[in-house]
Amino acid sequence: MTTPKPSNPGVRRPVDLARRHGLSAQAVRNYERDGVLPPAERTATGYRRFTEVHAKALSAYLALIVGHGHAASGDIMRAVNRGEIETALRTIDNGHGLLQRDRETLDAVEAAVTTLTATAPAPQGRGAVPISVLAHRLGVRPATLRKWESAGILRPERDRVTGHRVYSPDDVRDAELAHLLRRGGYRLDHIADVLRRVRDAGGAGPLAASLGQWRRRLTERGRAMLTGAARLAEYLDADDQPSRVLTSEAKTTRLSE
């Protein structure tokens, strides 16, 4: 009596990879089809045969999503599977650059909120002022205010009769805040983002209450990027990695499915 040979413990079905991450088997097939996973070998009947390398690739992709988002993570994995490691690393670097920019924006928002909450609110009876008056108050040229408007920092209305810009008390507050942040070295796009958040939050008070949560989200995103990088490194270091570039035969098999 002969003992049957055990199945290869390194070979997995789509459902085996799916269960580990709470996915559907079809999702795993789609990831392989879309290039997020490296090409899988096929049985004589056309079934996919995944390995531990594919499991590491899937783990890397899902971890990258948390920090970089779906689109960038897909780009990273497809580049790696094509053997274009430099391209993948550039995408990762770009993600870290975006996180750094968000941190700088948060710093600017916190500085802005501190200034706004420490400043007495403008009297409600104060009327709108023309661009010349506001420019004089800030010690800048009218062209500077127009440039800030083009950058989305200021949103003055127009006089119905003359068509000239008029700045409400809220506009004056925004202009004073922008002037302060510009002196602090912040870029116009950062200042525009700060003021957008102030407006969306309904003022400095509500925004101040959300800053802690915002910073925690950035911290979680940064840690997720570290986890994604670690999983990607494990995938890159995996032994016996299958070819990442599809052969003509593999392409034909995939298209015939």
C-alpha atoms as a PDB file:
ATOM      1  CA  MET A   1       0.000   0.000   0.000  1.00  0.00           C
ATOM      2  CA  THR A   2       1.456   3.338  -1.006  1.00  0.00           C
ATOM      3  CA  THR A   3       1.078   6.562   0.953  1.00  0.00           C
ATOM      4  CA  PRO A   4      -0.418   9.379  -1.107  1.00  0.00           C
ATOM      5  CA  LYS A   5       1.833  12.360  -1.625  1.00  0.00           C
ATOM      6  CA  PRO A   6       0.752  15.419   0.320  1.00  0.00           C
ATOM      7  CA  SER A   7      -0.271  18.446  -1.650  1.00  0.00           C
ATOM      8  CA  ASN A   8       2.334  21.161  -2.058  1.00  0.00           C
ATOM      9  CA  PRO A   9       1.988  23.314   1.075  1.00  0.00           C
ATOM     10  CA  GLY A  10       3.435  26.284  -0.807  1.00  0.00           C
ATOM     11  CA  VAL A  11       0.684  26.343  -3.433  1.00  0.00           C
ATOM     12  CA  ARG A  12      -2.537  28.206  -2.707  1.00  0.00           C
ATOM     13  CA  ARG A  13      -5.861  28.699  -4.397  1.00  0.00           C
ATOM     14  CA  PRO A  14      -7.393  32.174  -4.784  1.00  0.00           C
ATOM     15  CA  VAL A  15      -9.757  31.405  -1.930  1.00  0.00           C
ATOM     16  CA  ASP A  16      -6.816  30.578   0.357  1.00  0.00           C
ATOM     17  CA  LEU A  17      -5.309  34.036  -0.139  1.00  0.00           C
ATOM     18  CA  ALA A  18      -8.716  35.674   0.074  1.00  0.00           C
ATOM     19  CA  ARG A  19      -9.711  34.186   3.425  1.00  0.00           C
ATOM     20  CA  ARG A  20      -6.577  35.449   5.128  1.00  0.00           C
ATOM     21  CA  HIS A  21      -7.563  39.055   4.401  1.00  0.00           C
ATOM     22  CA  GLY A  22     -11.344  38.836   4.393  1.00  0.00           C
ATOM     23  CA  LEU A  23     -11.548  39.190   0.612  1.00  0.00           C
ATOM     24  CA  SER A  24     -13.446  37.314  -2.045  1.00  0.00           C
ATOM     25  CA  ALA A  25     -11.650  34.857  -4.292  1.00  0.00           C
ATOM     26  CA  GLN A  26     -12.717  36.970  -7.261  1.00  0.00           C
ATOM     27  CA  ALA A  27     -10.975  40.005  -5.770  1.00  0.00           C
ATOM     28  CA  VAL A  28      -7.725  38.047  -5.662  1.00  0.00           C
ATOM     29  CA  ARG A  29      -8.195  36.991  -9.288  1.00  0.00           C
ATOM     30  CA  ASN A  30      -8.838  40.607 -10.225  1.00  0.00           C
ATOM     31  CA  TYR A  31      -5.666  41.745  -8.469  1.00  0.00           C
ATOM     32  CA  GLU A  32      -3.646  39.234 -10.494  1.00  0.00           C
ATOM     33  CA  ARG A  33      -5.415  40.270 -13.678  1.00  0.00           C
ATOM     34  CA  ASP A  34      -4.691  43.948 -12.990  1.00  0.00           C
ATOM     35  CA  GLY A  35      -1.001  43.357 -12.301  1.00  0.00           C
ATOM     36  CA  VAL A  36      -1.156  44.070  -8.578  1.00  0.00           C
ATOM     37  CA  LEU A  37      -0.081  40.469  -7.965  1.00  0.00           C
ATOM     38  CA  PRO A  38       2.609  38.803 -10.068  1.00  0.00           C
ATOM     39  CA  PRO A  39       1.421  36.357 -12.757  1.00  0.00           C
ATOM     40  CA  ALA A  40       0.300  33.024 -11.333  1.00  0.00           C
ATOM     41  CA  GLU A  41       1.150  29.663 -12.825  1.00  0.00           C
ATOM     42  CA  ARG A  42      -1.761  27.684 -14.224  1.00  0.00           C
ATOM     43  CA  THR A  43      -2.698  24.058 -13.960  1.00  0.00           C
ATOM     44  CA  ALA A  44      -3.425  22.010 -17.069  1.00  0.00           C
ATOM     45  CA  THR A  45      -7.082  22.927 -16.628  1.00  0.00           C
ATOM     46  CA  GLY A  46      -6.322  26.670 -16.324  1.00  0.00           C
ATOM     47  CA  TYR A  47      -6.678  27.119 -12.566  1.00  0.00           C
ATOM     48  CA  ARG A  48      -4.359  29.610 -10.897  1.00  0.00           C
ATOM     49  CA  ARG A  49      -1.640  28.296  -8.583  1.00  0.00           C
ATOM     50  CA  PHE A  50      -0.603  30.973  -6.100  1.00  0.00           C
ATOM     51  CA  THR A  51       2.439  30.690  -3.833  1.00  0.00           C
ATOM     52  CA  GLU A  52       3.757  32.278  -0.664  1.00  0.00           C
ATOM     53  CA  VAL A  53       5.250  35.004  -2.849  1.00  0.00           C
ATOM     54  CA  HIS A  54       1.770  35.932  -4.026  1.00  0.00           C
ATOM     55  CA  ALA A  55       0.619  35.969  -0.405  1.00  0.00           C
ATOM     56  CA  LYS A  56       3.401  38.426   0.418  1.00  0.00           C
ATOM     57  CA  ALA A  57       2.491  40.559  -2.591  1.00  0.00           C
ATOM     58  CA  LEU A  58      -1.144  40.711  -1.509  1.00  0.00           C
ATOM     59  CA  SER A  59      -0.148  41.554   2.058  1.00  0.00           C
ATOM     60  CA  ALA A  60       2.101  44.346   0.758  1.00  0.00           C
ATOM     61  CA  TYR A  61      -0.598  45.793  -1.475  1.00  0.00           C
ATOM     62  CA  LEU A  62      -3.269  45.853   1.235  1.00  0.00           C
ATOM     63  CA  ALA A  63      -0.837  47.429   3.712  1.00  0.00           C
ATOM     64  CA  LEU A  64       0.231  50.080   1.212  1.00  0.00           C
ATOM     65  CA  ILE A  65      -3.395  51.092   0.593  1.00  0.00           C
ATOM     66  CA  VAL A  66      -3.807  52.298   4.176  1.00  0.00           C
ATOM     67  CA  GLY A  67      -0.994  54.830   3.831  1.00  0.00           C
ATOM     68  CA  HIS A  68      -0.914  55.628   0.117  1.00  0.00           C
ATOM     69  CA  GLY A  69      -4.442  54.979  -1.133  1.00  0.00           C
ATOM     70  CA  HIS A  70      -5.675  52.569  -3.788  1.00  0.00           C
ATOM     71  CA  ALA A  71      -4.375  54.341  -6.903  1.00  0.00           C
ATOM     72  CA  ALA A  72      -0.809  54.925  -5.726  1.00  0.00           C
ATOM     73  CA  SER A  73      -0.589  51.453  -4.157  1.00  0.00           C
ATOM     74  CA  GLY A  74      -1.662  49.863  -7.416  1.00  0.00           C
ATOM     75  CA  ASP A  75       0.976  51.876  -9.267  1.00  0.00           C
ATOM     76  CA  ILE A  76       3.623  50.774  -6.777  1.00  0.00           C
ATOM     77  CA  MET A  77       2.808  47.082  -7.068  1.00  0.00           C
ATOM     78  CA  ARG A  78       2.524  47.108 -10.856  1.00  0.00           C
ATOM     79  CA  ALA A  79       5.889  48.843 -11.123  1.00  0.00           C
ATOM     80  CA  VAL A  80       7.478  46.276  -8.803  1.00  0.00           C
ATOM     81  CA  ASN A  81       5.954  43.393 -10.746  1.00  0.00           C
ATOM     82  CA  ARG A  82       7.384  44.851 -13.965  1.00  0.00           C
ATOM     83  CA  GLY A  83      10.790  44.990 -12.321  1.00  0.00           C
ATOM     84  CA  GLU A  84      10.736  48.814 -12.271  1.00  0.00           C
ATOM     85  CA  ILE A  85      11.800  49.246  -8.663  1.00  0.00           C
ATOM     86  CA  GLU A  86      12.967  52.831  -9.171  1.00  0.00           C
ATOM     87  CA  THR A  87       9.508  53.827 -10.422  1.00  0.00           C
ATOM     88  CA  ALA A  88       7.868  52.187  -7.410  1.00  0.00           C
ATOM     89  CA  LEU A  89      10.193  53.976  -5.005  1.00  0.00           C
ATOM     90  CA  ARG A  90       9.486  57.310  -6.646  1.00  0.00           C
ATOM     91  CA  THR A  91       5.774  56.794  -6.061  1.00  0.00           C
ATOM     92  CA  ILE A  92       6.472  55.970  -2.432  1.00  0.00           C
ATOM     93  CA  ASP A  93       8.667  59.066  -2.096  1.00  0.00           C
ATOM     94  CA  ASN A  94       5.862  61.169  -3.541  1.00  0.00           C
ATOM     95  CA  GLY A  95       3.474  59.796  -0.927  1.00  0.00           C
ATOM     96  CA  HIS A  96       5.846  60.785   1.864  1.00  0.00           C
ATOM     97  CA  GLY A  97       6.166  64.223   0.269  1.00  0.00           C
ATOM     98  CA  LEU A  98       2.398  64.645   0.351  1.00  0.00           C
ATOM     99  CA  LEU A  99       2.332  63.613   4.003  1.00  0.00           C
ATOM    100  CA  GLN A 100       5.028  66.169   4.805  1.00  0.00           C
ATOM    101  CA  ARG A 101       3.027  68.858   3.036  1.00  0.00           C
ATOM    102  CA  ASP A 102      -0.055  67.923   5.059  1.00  0.00           C
ATOM    103  CA  ARG A 103       1.988  68.229   8.247  1.00  0.00           C
ATOM    104  CA  GLU A 104       3.186  71.680   7.203  1.00  0.00           C
ATOM    105  CA  THR A 105      -0.383  72.697   6.409  1.00  0.00           C
ATOM    106  CA  LEU A 106      -1.507  71.502   9.825  1.00  0.00           C
ATOM    107  CA  ASP A 107       1.260  73.552  11.448  1.00  0.00           C
ATOM    108  CA  ALA A 108       0.041  76.594   9.526  1.00  0.00           C
ATOM    109  CA  VAL A 109      -3.562  75.931  10.548  1.00  0.00           C
ATOM    110  CA  GLU A 110      -2.577  75.664  14.205  1.00  0.00           C
ATOM    111  CA  ALA A 111      -0.689  78.948  13.956  1.00  0.00           C
ATOM    112  CA  ALA A 112      -3.679  80.524  12.261  1.00  0.00           C
ATOM    113  CA  VAL A 113      -6.137  79.278  14.865  1.00  0.00           C
ATOM    114  CA  THR A 114      -3.928  80.591  17.651  1.00  0.00           C
ATOM    115  CA  THR A 115      -3.910  84.012  16.020  1.00  0.00           C
ATOM    116  CA  LEU A 116      -7.630  84.034  15.270  1.00  0.00           C
ATOM    117  CA  THR A 117      -8.705  82.926  18.743  1.00  0.00           C
ATOM    118  CA  ALA A 118      -6.396  85.479  20.370  1.00  0.00           C
ATOM    119  CA  THR A 119      -7.748  88.326  18.248  1.00  0.00           C
ATOM    120  CA  ALA A 120     -10.947  90.101  19.208  1.00  0.00           C
ATOM    121  CA  PRO A 121     -13.679  89.613  16.594  1.00  0.00           C
ATOM    122  CA  ALA A 122     -14.372  92.468  14.246  1.00  0.00           C
ATOM    123  CA  PRO A 123     -17.366  94.621  15.211  1.00  0.00           C
ATOM    124  CA  GLN A 124     -20.460  93.383  13.434  1.00  0.00           C
ATOM    125  CA  GLY A 125     -21.352  96.891  12.328  1.00  0.00           C
ATOM    126  CA  ARG A 126     -18.131  97.368  10.381  1.00  0.00           C
ATOM    127  CA  GLY A 127     -18.863  97.570   6.688  1.00  0.00           C
ATOM    128  CA  ALA A 128     -17.012  96.322   3.634  1.00  0.00           C
ATOM    129  CA  VAL A 129     -13.902  98.168   2.483  1.00  0.00           C
ATOM    130  CA  PRO A 130     -12.389  98.652  -0.987  1.00  0.00           C
ATOM    131  CA  ILE A 131      -9.099  97.133  -2.045  1.00  0.00           C
ATOM    132  CA  SER A 132      -7.166 100.363  -1.526  1.00  0.00           C
ATOM    133  CA  VAL A 133      -8.205 100.604   2.125  1.00  0.00           C
ATOM    134  CA  LEU A 134      -7.363  96.973   2.854  1.00  0.00           C
ATOM    135  CA  ALA A 135      -4.008  97.219   1.074  1.00  0.00           C
ATOM    136  CA  HIS A 136      -3.132 100.309   3.103  1.00  0.00           C
ATOM    137  CA  ARG A 137      -4.142  98.607   6.353  1.00  0.00           C
ATOM    138  CA  LEU A 138      -1.859  95.652   5.642  1.00  0.00           C
ATOM    139  CA  GLY A 139       0.949  97.678   4.110  1.00  0.00           C
ATOM    140  CA  VAL A 140       0.855  95.778   0.826  1.00  0.00           C
ATOM    141  CA  ARG A 141       0.080  96.742  -2.745  1.00  0.00           C
ATOM    142  CA  PRO A 142      -3.367  96.125  -4.263  1.00  0.00           C
ATOM    143  CA  ALA A 143      -1.680  93.800  -6.760  1.00  0.00           C
ATOM    144  CA  THR A 144      -0.728  91.567  -3.840  1.00  0.00           C
ATOM    145  CA  LEU A 145      -4.361  91.235  -2.791  1.00  0.00           C
ATOM    146  CA  ARG A 146      -5.347  90.400  -6.349  1.00  0.00           C
ATOM    147  CA  LYS A 147      -2.632  87.733  -6.424  1.00  0.00           C
ATOM    148  CA  TRP A 148      -3.981  86.254  -3.196  1.00  0.00           C
ATOM    149  CA  GLU A 149      -7.420  86.179  -4.743  1.00  0.00           C
ATOM    150  CA  SER A 150      -6.088  84.283  -7.766  1.00  0.00           C
ATOM    151  CA  ALA A 151      -4.525  81.760  -5.370  1.00  0.00           C
ATOM    152  CA  GLY A 152      -7.894  81.178  -3.673  1.00  0.00           C
ATOM    153  CA  ILE A 153      -6.921  82.919  -0.436  1.00  0.00           C
ATOM    154  CA  LEU A 154      -9.389  85.793  -0.673  1.00  0.00           C
ATOM    155  CA  ARG A 155     -12.896  85.765  -2.114  1.00  0.00           C
ATOM    156  CA  PRO A 156     -14.119  89.374  -2.213  1.00  0.00           C
ATOM    157  CA  GLU A 157     -17.456  90.288  -3.687  1.00  0.00           C
ATOM    158  CA  ARG A 158     -17.973  92.971  -6.326  1.00  0.00           C
ATOM    159  CA  ASP A 159     -19.848  96.206  -5.924  1.00  0.00           C
ATOM    160  CA  ARG A 160     -23.024  95.906  -7.979  1.00  0.00           C
ATOM    161  CA  VAL A 161     -22.659  99.418  -9.364  1.00  0.00           C
ATOM    162  CA  THR A 162     -18.943  99.908  -9.917  1.00  0.00           C
ATOM    163  CA  GLY A 163     -17.811  96.282 -10.199  1.00  0.00           C
ATOM    164  CA  HIS A 164     -14.926  97.017  -7.824  1.00  0.00           C
ATOM    165  CA  ARG A 165     -13.801  94.519  -5.213  1.00  0.00           C
ATOM    166  CA  VAL A 166     -15.202  94.977  -1.721  1.00  0.00           C
ATOM    167  CA  TYR A 167     -13.916  93.150   1.341  1.00  0.00           C
ATOM    168  CA  SER A 168     -16.272  92.121   4.148  1.00  0.00           C
ATOM    169  CA  PRO A 169     -15.088  91.875   7.793  1.00  0.00           C
ATOM    170  CA  ASP A 170     -14.480  88.145   7.232  1.00  0.00           C
ATOM    171  CA  ASP A 171     -12.431  88.956   4.128  1.00  0.00           C
ATOM    172  CA  VAL A 172     -10.386  91.435   6.158  1.00  0.00           C
ATOM    173  CA  ARG A 173      -9.791  88.747   8.795  1.00  0.00           C
ATOM    174  CA  ASP A 174      -8.655  86.315   6.096  1.00  0.00           C
ATOM    175  CA  ALA A 175      -6.365  88.934   4.573  1.00  0.00           C
ATOM    176  CA  GLU A 176      -4.775  89.719   7.937  1.00  0.00           C
ATOM    177  CA  LEU A 177      -4.267  86.032   8.579  1.00  0.00           C
ATOM    178  CA  ALA A 178      -2.770  85.516   5.115  1.00  0.00           C
ATOM    179  CA  HIS A 179      -0.436  88.434   5.691  1.00  0.00           C
ATOM    180  CA  LEU A 180       0.718  86.911   8.971  1.00  0.00           C
ATOM    181  CA  LEU A 181       1.336  83.489   7.429  1.00  0.00           C
ATOM    182  CA  ARG A 182       3.177  84.973   4.457  1.00  0.00           C
ATOM    183  CA  ARG A 183       5.542  86.719   6.859  1.00  0.00           C
ATOM    184  CA  GLY A 184       6.036  83.325   8.459  1.00  0.00           C
ATOM    185  CA  GLY A 185       7.233  81.919   5.141  1.00  0.00           C
ATOM    186  CA  TYR A 186       4.182  79.857   4.185  1.00  0.00           C
ATOM    187  CA  ARG A 187       3.412  79.319   0.506  1.00  0.00           C
ATOM    188  CA  LEU A 188       0.256  80.673  -1.070  1.00  0.00           C
ATOM    189  CA  ASP A 189      -1.199  77.212  -1.668  1.00  0.00           C
ATOM    190  CA  HIS A 190      -0.728  76.342   2.005  1.00  0.00           C
ATOM    191  CA  ILE A 191      -2.394  79.573   3.075  1.00  0.00           C
ATOM    192  CA  ALA A 192      -5.310  78.923   0.725  1.00  0.00           C
ATOM    193  CA  ASP A 193      -5.733  75.471   2.288  1.00  0.00           C
ATOM    194  CA  VAL A 194      -5.642  76.966   5.784  1.00  0.00           C
ATOM    195  CA  LEU A 195      -8.350  79.498   4.998  1.00  0.00           C
ATOM    196  CA  ARG A 196     -10.488  76.907   3.260  1.00  0.00           C
ATOM    197  CA  ARG A 197     -10.394  74.799   6.408  1.00  0.00           C
ATOM    198  CA  VAL A 198     -11.244  77.794   8.578  1.00  0.00           C
ATOM    199  CA  ARG A 199     -14.272  78.560   6.390  1.00  0.00           C
ATOM    200  CA  ASP A 200     -15.407  74.931   6.164  1.00  0.00           C
ATOM    201  CA  ALA A 201     -15.178  74.545   9.940  1.00  0.00           C
ATOM    202  CA  GLY A 202     -17.312  77.642  10.483  1.00  0.00           C
ATOM    203  CA  GLY A 203     -14.557  79.657  12.117  1.00  0.00           C
ATOM    204  CA  ALA A 204     -11.489  79.236  14.258  1.00  0.00           C
ATOM    205  CA  GLY A 205     -13.274  77.782  17.281  1.00  0.00           C
ATOM    206  CA  PRO A 206     -14.720  74.664  15.645  1.00  0.00           C
ATOM    207  CA  LEU A 207     -11.514  74.165  13.673  1.00  0.00           C
ATOM    208  CA  ALA A 208      -9.392  74.292  16.842  1.00  0.00           C
ATOM    209  CA  ALA A 209     -11.459  71.441  18.284  1.00  0.00           C
ATOM    210  CA  SER A 210     -10.654  69.224  15.295  1.00  0.00           C
ATOM    211  CA  LEU A 211      -6.895  69.811  15.136  1.00  0.00           C
ATOM    212  CA  GLY A 212      -6.032  67.007  17.534  1.00  0.00           C
ATOM    213  CA  GLN A 213      -8.009  64.501  15.484  1.00  0.00           C
ATOM    214  CA  TRP A 214      -6.407  65.784  12.302  1.00  0.00           C
ATOM    215  CA  ARG A 215      -2.902  65.311  13.744  1.00  0.00           C
ATOM    216  CA  ARG A 216      -3.779  61.812  14.937  1.00  0.00           C
ATOM    217  CA  ARG A 217      -4.900  60.913  11.424  1.00  0.00           C
ATOM    218  CA  LEU A 218      -1.584  62.111  10.010  1.00  0.00           C
ATOM    219  CA  THR A 219       0.289  60.056  12.596  1.00  0.00           C
ATOM    220  CA  GLU A 220      -1.760  56.971  11.728  1.00  0.00           C
ATOM    221  CA  ARG A 221      -1.067  57.559   8.041  1.00  0.00           C
ATOM    222  CA  GLY A 222       2.653  57.858   8.685  1.00  0.00           C
ATOM    223  CA  ARG A 223       2.698  54.615  10.665  1.00  0.00           C
ATOM    224  CA  ALA A 224       0.678  52.905   7.944  1.00  0.00           C
ATOM    225  CA  MET A 225       3.295  53.969   5.408  1.00  0.00           C
ATOM    226  CA  LEU A 226       5.973  52.334   7.569  1.00  0.00           C
ATOM    227  CA  THR A 227       3.951  49.111   7.728  1.00  0.00           C
ATOM    228  CA  GLY A 228       3.381  49.192   3.976  1.00  0.00           C
ATOM    229  CA  ALA A 229       7.101  49.683   3.361  1.00  0.00           C
ATOM    230  CA  ALA A 230       7.924  46.738   5.626  1.00  0.00           C
ATOM    231  CA  ARG A 231       5.461  44.448   3.830  1.00  0.00           C
ATOM    232  CA  LEU A 232       6.775  45.564   0.457  1.00  0.00           C
ATOM    233  CA  ALA A 233      10.348  44.851   1.575  1.00  0.00           C
ATOM    234  CA  GLU A 234       9.272  41.343   2.613  1.00  0.00           C
ATOM    235  CA  TYR A 235       7.792  40.827  -0.818  1.00  0.00           C
ATOM    236  CA  LEU A 236      10.905  42.097  -2.582  1.00  0.00           C
ATOM    237  CA  ASP A 237      13.083  39.841  -0.456  1.00  0.00           C
ATOM    238  CA  ALA A 238      10.921  36.758  -0.995  1.00  0.00           C
ATOM    239  CA  ASP A 239      12.828  33.737  -2.297  1.00  0.00           C
ATOM    240  CA  ASP A 240      11.963  32.025  -5.564  1.00  0.00           C
ATOM    241  CA  GLN A 241       9.931  34.990  -6.745  1.00  0.00           C
ATOM    242  CA  PRO A 242       8.134  34.201  -9.994  1.00  0.00           C
ATOM    243  CA  SER A 243       8.933  36.161 -13.094  1.00  0.00           C
ATOM    244  CA  ARG A 244       7.305  39.595 -12.922  1.00  0.00           C
ATOM    245  CA  VAL A 245       7.235  40.045 -16.663  1.00  0.00           C
ATOM    246  CA  LEU A 246       4.579  38.014 -18.434  1.00  0.00           C
ATOM    247  CA  THR A 247       5.782  35.675 -21.117  1.00  0.00           C
ATOM    248  CA  SER A 248       3.916  35.479 -24.397  1.00  0.00           C
ATOM    249  CA  GLU A 249       2.488  32.137 -23.337  1.00  0.00           C
ATOM    250  CA  ALA A 250       1.217  33.565 -20.041  1.00  0.00           C
ATOM    251  CA  LYS A 251      -0.362  36.522 -21.798  1.00  0.00           C
ATOM    252  CA  THR A 252      -2.099  34.174 -24.223  1.00  0.00           C
ATOM    253  CA  THR A 253      -3.398  32.031 -21.375  1.00  0.00           C
ATOM    254  CA  ARG A 254      -4.707  35.086 -19.518  1.00  0.00           C
ATOM    255  CA  LEU A 255      -6.487  36.489 -22.561  1.00  0.00           C
ATOM    256  CA  SER A 256      -8.112  33.157 -23.350  1.00  0.00           C
ATOM    257  CA  GLU A 257      -9.819  32.945 -19.928  1.00  0.00           C
END
